[in-house]
Amino acid sequence: MSTTSQPSPQNRHRNQKVAVLGTGKIGEALLSGMIRGGWAAADLLVTTRRQERADELRTRYGVTVVSNADAAEQADTLILACKPQDMAKLLDELAPHVTADRLVISAAAGITTAFIEERLAENTPVVRVMPNTPVLVDEGMSVISAGSHATADALSHAEAIFGAVGKTLRVPETQQDACTALSGSGPAYFYFLVEAMTDAGILLGLPRDKAHDLIVQAAIGASVMLRDSGEHPVKLRENVTSPAGTTINAIRELENHGVRAALIAALEAARDRSRELASGNN
């Protein structure tokens, strides 16, 4: 008696037609990652406002460029990678064409699943995702939350897509604004720190290029140790901090200048802005 093997969940997701609506940097990173991850270019649709951009994506990836309406009618999954302030207009355009058997994934900061659900067909499954810019180098973190009608399979599908460009983490949607402050905006804080440390290196007498290389490699090494050692960051910091040494003097100055408090305040401000975006205050 012969048996027919069933496709794995991962392959099943890859066999579905996916449309990326808004192919800026994040949208293109997802497109590229999906192709490297096994999606066929023939199953990927993209939308863009400019003809030259359409020609570029078609030539580079072999994907089909369509209108937003055609994407909604043809794709099983729609990834809304537009700016938050453009979401309402995009949903108005999509609403007549999106049926409840479509999966809608939003990658727009601050936009709630409820905001999207209210503007589409009843019972449409919606998943909210907050990626960060390291998806451009396949080292992203994408935070995933289910809307009211999103199934476990819908979440798995979102994880398969965004897992092609880094790691994913499921959280309740009530935690999305905090994750946006920590992870979505997070890379900018590190770039800011590297910029400040580079200026300090120049002040201490180093050429800019050498200061930059020293700090970037220190950042990479510290990140790998944080990821792979399993040690608490306090323990790793203590390993560098000798009694009466150089590091503890530097740490004391950071504490004296309120750096820890400033970081907490900055993250709270980012969270609050995410909430403002969700409320429509653009």
Protein backbone atom coordinates (compact mmCIF):
# COMPACT_ATOMS: atom_id res chain seq x y z
CA MET A 1 0.00 0.00 0.00
CA SER A 2 1.56 3.28 -1.06
CA THR A 3 1.45 6.40 1.04
CA THR A 4 1.73 10.02 0.06
CA SER A 5 4.07 12.12 2.17
CA GLN A 6 2.67 15.36 3.51
CA PRO A 7 4.64 18.59 3.09
CA SER A 8 6.34 19.87 6.21
CA PRO A 9 4.75 22.94 7.82
CA GLN A 10 7.72 24.99 6.64
CA ASN A 11 7.39 23.84 3.04
CA ARG A 12 3.62 24.32 3.18
CA HIS A 13 4.16 27.96 4.09
CA ARG A 14 6.64 28.38 1.25
CA ASN A 15 4.10 27.06 -1.26
CA GLN A 16 1.69 29.88 -0.52
CA LYS A 17 1.61 33.05 -2.58
CA VAL A 18 2.87 36.05 -0.59
CA ALA A 19 2.59 39.74 -1.46
CA VAL A 20 4.81 42.45 0.03
CA LEU A 21 2.99 45.77 -0.09
CA GLY A 22 5.55 48.54 0.22
CA THR A 23 9.01 47.40 -0.76
CA GLY A 24 11.29 49.87 0.99
CA LYS A 25 14.35 48.60 2.82
CA ILE A 26 12.46 46.32 5.21
CA GLY A 27 10.12 45.05 2.51
CA GLU A 28 12.99 44.28 0.17
CA ALA A 29 14.93 42.57 2.98
CA LEU A 30 11.96 40.27 3.57
CA LEU A 31 11.65 39.60 -0.14
CA SER A 32 15.33 38.73 -0.45
CA GLY A 33 15.25 36.59 2.69
CA MET A 34 12.23 34.61 1.54
CA ILE A 35 13.88 33.81 -1.78
CA ARG A 36 17.05 32.64 -0.01
CA GLY A 37 14.85 30.68 2.38
CA GLY A 38 13.20 28.65 -0.36
CA TRP A 39 10.23 30.68 -1.60
CA ALA A 40 9.89 30.62 -5.38
CA ALA A 41 10.03 34.04 -7.02
CA ALA A 42 6.93 33.05 -8.98
CA ASP A 43 4.99 32.91 -5.69
CA LEU A 44 6.06 36.39 -4.57
CA LEU A 45 4.22 39.58 -5.50
CA VAL A 46 5.34 43.11 -4.71
CA THR A 47 3.81 46.56 -4.90
CA THR A 48 5.59 49.87 -5.22
CA ARG A 49 4.70 53.45 -6.11
CA ARG A 50 7.46 54.17 -8.63
CA GLN A 51 7.95 52.49 -12.00
CA GLU A 52 11.74 52.57 -11.75
CA ARG A 53 11.53 50.77 -8.41
CA ALA A 54 9.20 48.19 -9.94
CA ASP A 55 11.68 47.56 -12.76
CA GLU A 56 14.52 47.25 -10.27
CA LEU A 57 12.74 44.65 -8.12
CA ARG A 58 11.55 42.69 -11.14
CA THR A 59 15.08 42.52 -12.56
CA ARG A 60 16.82 41.80 -9.26
CA TYR A 61 14.50 39.11 -7.88
CA GLY A 62 12.32 37.90 -10.75
CA VAL A 63 9.15 38.72 -8.82
CA THR A 64 5.86 40.00 -10.19
CA VAL A 65 4.99 43.64 -9.59
CA VAL A 66 1.26 44.27 -9.21
CA SER A 67 -1.19 46.85 -7.90
CA ASN A 68 -2.34 46.75 -4.29
CA ALA A 69 -5.77 45.55 -5.40
CA ASP A 70 -4.32 42.73 -7.50
CA ALA A 71 -2.03 41.71 -4.63
CA ALA A 72 -5.04 41.47 -2.31
CA GLU A 73 -6.95 39.31 -4.77
CA GLN A 74 -4.10 37.00 -5.79
CA ALA A 75 -1.99 36.42 -2.66
CA ASP A 76 -2.71 34.10 0.27
CA THR A 77 -0.68 36.34 2.59
CA LEU A 78 -0.36 40.12 2.51
CA ILE A 79 2.58 41.77 4.27
CA LEU A 80 1.83 45.45 4.89
CA ALA A 81 5.27 47.06 5.02
CA CYS A 82 4.13 50.66 4.65
CA LYS A 83 4.73 53.63 6.95
CA PRO A 84 2.31 53.86 9.90
CA GLN A 85 0.85 57.13 8.63
CA ASP A 86 0.00 55.46 5.30
CA MET A 87 -1.79 52.45 6.79
CA ALA A 88 -5.35 53.83 6.88
CA LYS A 89 -5.22 54.84 3.22
CA LEU A 90 -3.75 51.47 2.22
CA LEU A 91 -6.45 49.57 4.12
CA ASP A 92 -9.16 51.62 2.45
CA GLU A 93 -7.71 50.57 -0.89
CA LEU A 94 -7.43 46.91 0.10
CA ALA A 95 -10.74 46.46 1.93
CA PRO A 96 -12.95 45.72 -1.14
CA HIS A 97 -10.53 42.99 -2.26
CA VAL A 98 -9.45 41.21 0.95
CA THR A 99 -11.54 38.20 1.92
CA ALA A 100 -11.46 36.53 5.34
CA ASP A 101 -9.39 33.60 4.04
CA ARG A 102 -6.38 35.89 3.57
CA LEU A 103 -3.67 36.32 6.20
CA VAL A 104 -2.69 39.95 6.78
CA ILE A 105 0.67 40.66 8.42
CA SER A 106 1.45 44.22 9.49
CA ALA A 107 5.05 45.39 9.87
CA ALA A 108 4.10 49.02 10.59
CA ALA A 109 5.19 50.41 13.96
CA GLY A 110 2.41 51.20 16.41
CA ILE A 111 -0.49 49.94 14.27
CA THR A 112 -2.68 47.55 16.27
CA THR A 113 -4.31 44.44 14.92
CA ALA A 114 -7.68 45.89 15.98
CA PHE A 115 -7.08 48.95 13.76
CA ILE A 116 -6.59 46.63 10.78
CA GLU A 117 -9.37 44.18 11.66
CA GLU A 118 -11.93 46.99 11.86
CA ARG A 119 -11.19 48.00 8.28
CA LEU A 120 -11.19 44.57 6.63
CA ALA A 121 -13.67 41.74 6.20
CA GLU A 122 -15.02 40.24 9.41
CA ASN A 123 -12.84 37.45 10.88
CA THR A 124 -9.79 38.31 8.75
CA PRO A 125 -6.72 36.93 10.54
CA VAL A 126 -4.18 39.65 11.31
CA VAL A 127 -0.68 39.27 12.76
CA ARG A 128 1.36 42.22 13.99
CA VAL A 129 5.13 42.10 13.58
CA MET A 130 7.78 44.58 14.70
CA PRO A 131 11.05 43.87 12.85
CA ASN A 132 14.23 45.90 13.26
CA THR A 133 16.74 47.02 10.65
CA PRO A 134 19.28 44.19 11.16
CA VAL A 135 16.88 42.13 9.02
CA LEU A 136 18.90 43.77 6.24
CA VAL A 137 21.85 41.52 7.22
CA ASP A 138 19.77 38.50 8.35
CA GLU A 139 20.34 39.36 12.03
CA GLY A 140 16.98 40.91 12.76
CA MET A 141 14.64 40.41 15.68
CA SER A 142 10.97 40.34 14.74
CA VAL A 143 8.40 40.46 17.53
CA ILE A 144 5.12 38.72 16.62
CA SER A 145 1.62 39.09 18.09
CA ALA A 146 -1.68 37.52 17.11
CA GLY A 147 -4.84 39.47 16.39
CA SER A 148 -8.31 38.32 17.44
CA HIS A 149 -8.73 35.85 14.58
CA ALA A 150 -5.14 34.71 13.96
CA THR A 151 -4.61 30.97 14.36
CA ALA A 152 -1.50 29.09 15.48
CA ASP A 153 -0.85 28.30 11.82
CA ALA A 154 -1.00 32.03 10.99
CA LEU A 155 1.62 32.74 13.64
CA SER A 156 3.80 29.92 12.33
CA HIS A 157 3.51 31.34 8.83
CA ALA A 158 4.63 34.77 10.05
CA GLU A 159 7.54 33.14 11.89
CA ALA A 160 8.59 31.29 8.74
CA ILE A 161 8.68 34.54 6.76
CA PHE A 162 10.45 36.71 9.30
CA GLY A 163 12.66 33.85 10.48
CA ALA A 164 14.31 34.01 7.05
CA VAL A 165 15.97 37.30 8.09
CA GLY A 166 16.78 36.67 11.77
CA LYS A 167 15.08 35.57 14.96
CA THR A 168 11.45 35.85 16.00
CA LEU A 169 9.74 36.18 19.36
CA ARG A 170 6.04 35.82 20.16
CA VAL A 171 4.59 38.25 22.70
CA PRO A 172 1.09 39.40 23.70
CA GLU A 173 0.13 42.47 21.72
CA THR A 174 -0.01 44.50 24.93
CA GLN A 175 3.80 44.21 25.03
CA GLN A 176 4.36 45.39 21.46
CA ASP A 177 4.96 49.06 22.33
CA ALA A 178 7.63 48.07 24.85
CA CYS A 179 9.24 45.75 22.29
CA THR A 180 9.21 48.55 19.72
CA ALA A 181 11.12 50.76 22.17
CA LEU A 182 13.63 48.04 23.03
CA SER A 183 14.07 46.11 19.80
CA GLY A 184 12.53 48.07 16.94
CA SER A 185 14.39 51.25 17.86
CA GLY A 186 17.19 49.40 19.67
CA PRO A 187 19.84 49.39 16.92
CA ALA A 188 19.77 53.21 16.84
CA TYR A 189 20.82 53.38 20.48
CA PHE A 190 23.88 51.26 19.78
CA TYR A 191 24.81 53.36 16.76
CA PHE A 192 24.47 56.46 18.93
CA LEU A 193 26.77 54.88 21.54
CA VAL A 194 29.34 53.91 18.92
CA GLU A 195 29.25 57.44 17.52
CA ALA A 196 29.86 58.92 20.99
CA MET A 197 32.65 56.44 21.78
CA THR A 198 34.32 57.17 18.44
CA ASP A 199 34.35 60.89 19.26
CA ALA A 200 35.83 60.02 22.65
CA GLY A 201 38.55 57.98 20.96
CA ILE A 202 39.44 60.96 18.78
CA LEU A 203 39.57 63.17 21.89
CA LEU A 204 41.95 60.63 23.44
CA GLY A 205 44.27 60.92 20.45
CA LEU A 206 43.26 58.10 18.11
CA PRO A 207 42.56 58.51 14.39
CA ARG A 208 38.86 58.16 13.58
CA ASP A 209 39.24 54.97 11.54
CA LYS A 210 41.19 53.20 14.28
CA ALA A 211 38.77 54.33 16.99
CA HIS A 212 35.87 53.09 14.86
CA ASP A 213 37.45 49.67 14.23
CA LEU A 214 38.27 49.19 17.92
CA ILE A 215 34.74 50.05 19.06
CA VAL A 216 32.92 48.04 16.37
CA GLN A 217 34.93 44.91 17.15
CA ALA A 218 34.38 45.42 20.88
CA ALA A 219 30.64 45.66 20.18
CA ILE A 220 30.65 42.50 18.04
CA GLY A 221 32.67 40.56 20.60
CA ALA A 222 30.49 41.69 23.49
CA SER A 223 27.32 40.80 21.57
CA VAL A 224 28.55 37.30 20.78
CA MET A 225 29.50 36.75 24.43
CA LEU A 226 26.07 37.95 25.55
CA ARG A 227 24.39 35.61 23.09
CA ASP A 228 26.55 32.52 23.51
CA SER A 229 27.96 32.52 27.05
CA GLY A 230 24.69 32.28 28.94
CA GLU A 231 26.10 34.70 31.51
CA HIS A 232 24.15 37.63 32.94
CA PRO A 233 25.38 40.99 31.58
CA VAL A 234 26.29 42.05 35.13
CA LYS A 235 28.62 39.05 35.40
CA LEU A 236 30.22 39.80 32.04
CA ARG A 237 30.75 43.43 33.05
CA GLU A 238 32.26 42.38 36.37
CA ASN A 239 34.73 40.16 34.48
CA VAL A 240 36.12 43.31 32.84
CA THR A 241 36.02 45.45 35.99
CA SER A 242 39.15 45.09 38.13
CA PRO A 243 39.38 46.71 41.58
CA ALA A 244 40.68 50.28 41.30
CA GLY A 245 41.14 49.77 37.56
CA THR A 246 40.30 51.74 34.45
CA THR A 247 36.88 50.21 33.81
CA ILE A 248 35.42 50.95 37.24
CA ASN A 249 36.52 54.58 36.89
CA ALA A 250 34.64 54.78 33.61
CA ILE A 251 31.55 53.06 35.05
CA ARG A 252 31.55 55.52 37.97
CA GLU A 253 31.47 58.45 35.54
CA LEU A 254 28.62 56.88 33.58
CA GLU A 255 26.63 56.50 36.79
CA ASN A 256 27.53 60.03 37.93
CA HIS A 257 26.15 61.41 34.66
CA GLY A 258 22.92 59.45 34.95
CA VAL A 259 23.42 57.32 31.85
CA ARG A 260 21.30 54.45 33.21
CA ALA A 261 18.43 56.81 34.08
CA ALA A 262 18.72 58.53 30.70
CA LEU A 263 18.42 55.17 28.90
CA ILE A 264 15.31 54.25 30.88
CA ALA A 265 13.76 57.64 30.11
CA ALA A 266 14.64 57.29 26.42
CA LEU A 267 12.99 53.88 26.18
CA GLU A 268 9.88 55.18 27.92
CA ALA A 269 9.72 58.03 25.39
CA ALA A 270 9.99 55.56 22.50
CA ARG A 271 7.23 53.41 24.00
CA ASP A 272 4.99 56.46 24.44
CA ARG A 273 5.53 57.48 20.83
CA SER A 274 4.58 53.98 19.70
CA ARG A 275 1.33 54.37 21.63
CA GLU A 276 0.72 57.75 19.98
CA LEU A 277 1.15 56.17 16.54
CA ALA A 278 -1.35 53.49 17.50
CA SER A 279 -3.87 56.14 18.48
CA GLY A 280 -3.50 57.89 15.12
CA ASN A 281 -1.49 60.85 16.43
CA ASN A 282 1.04 61.05 13.62
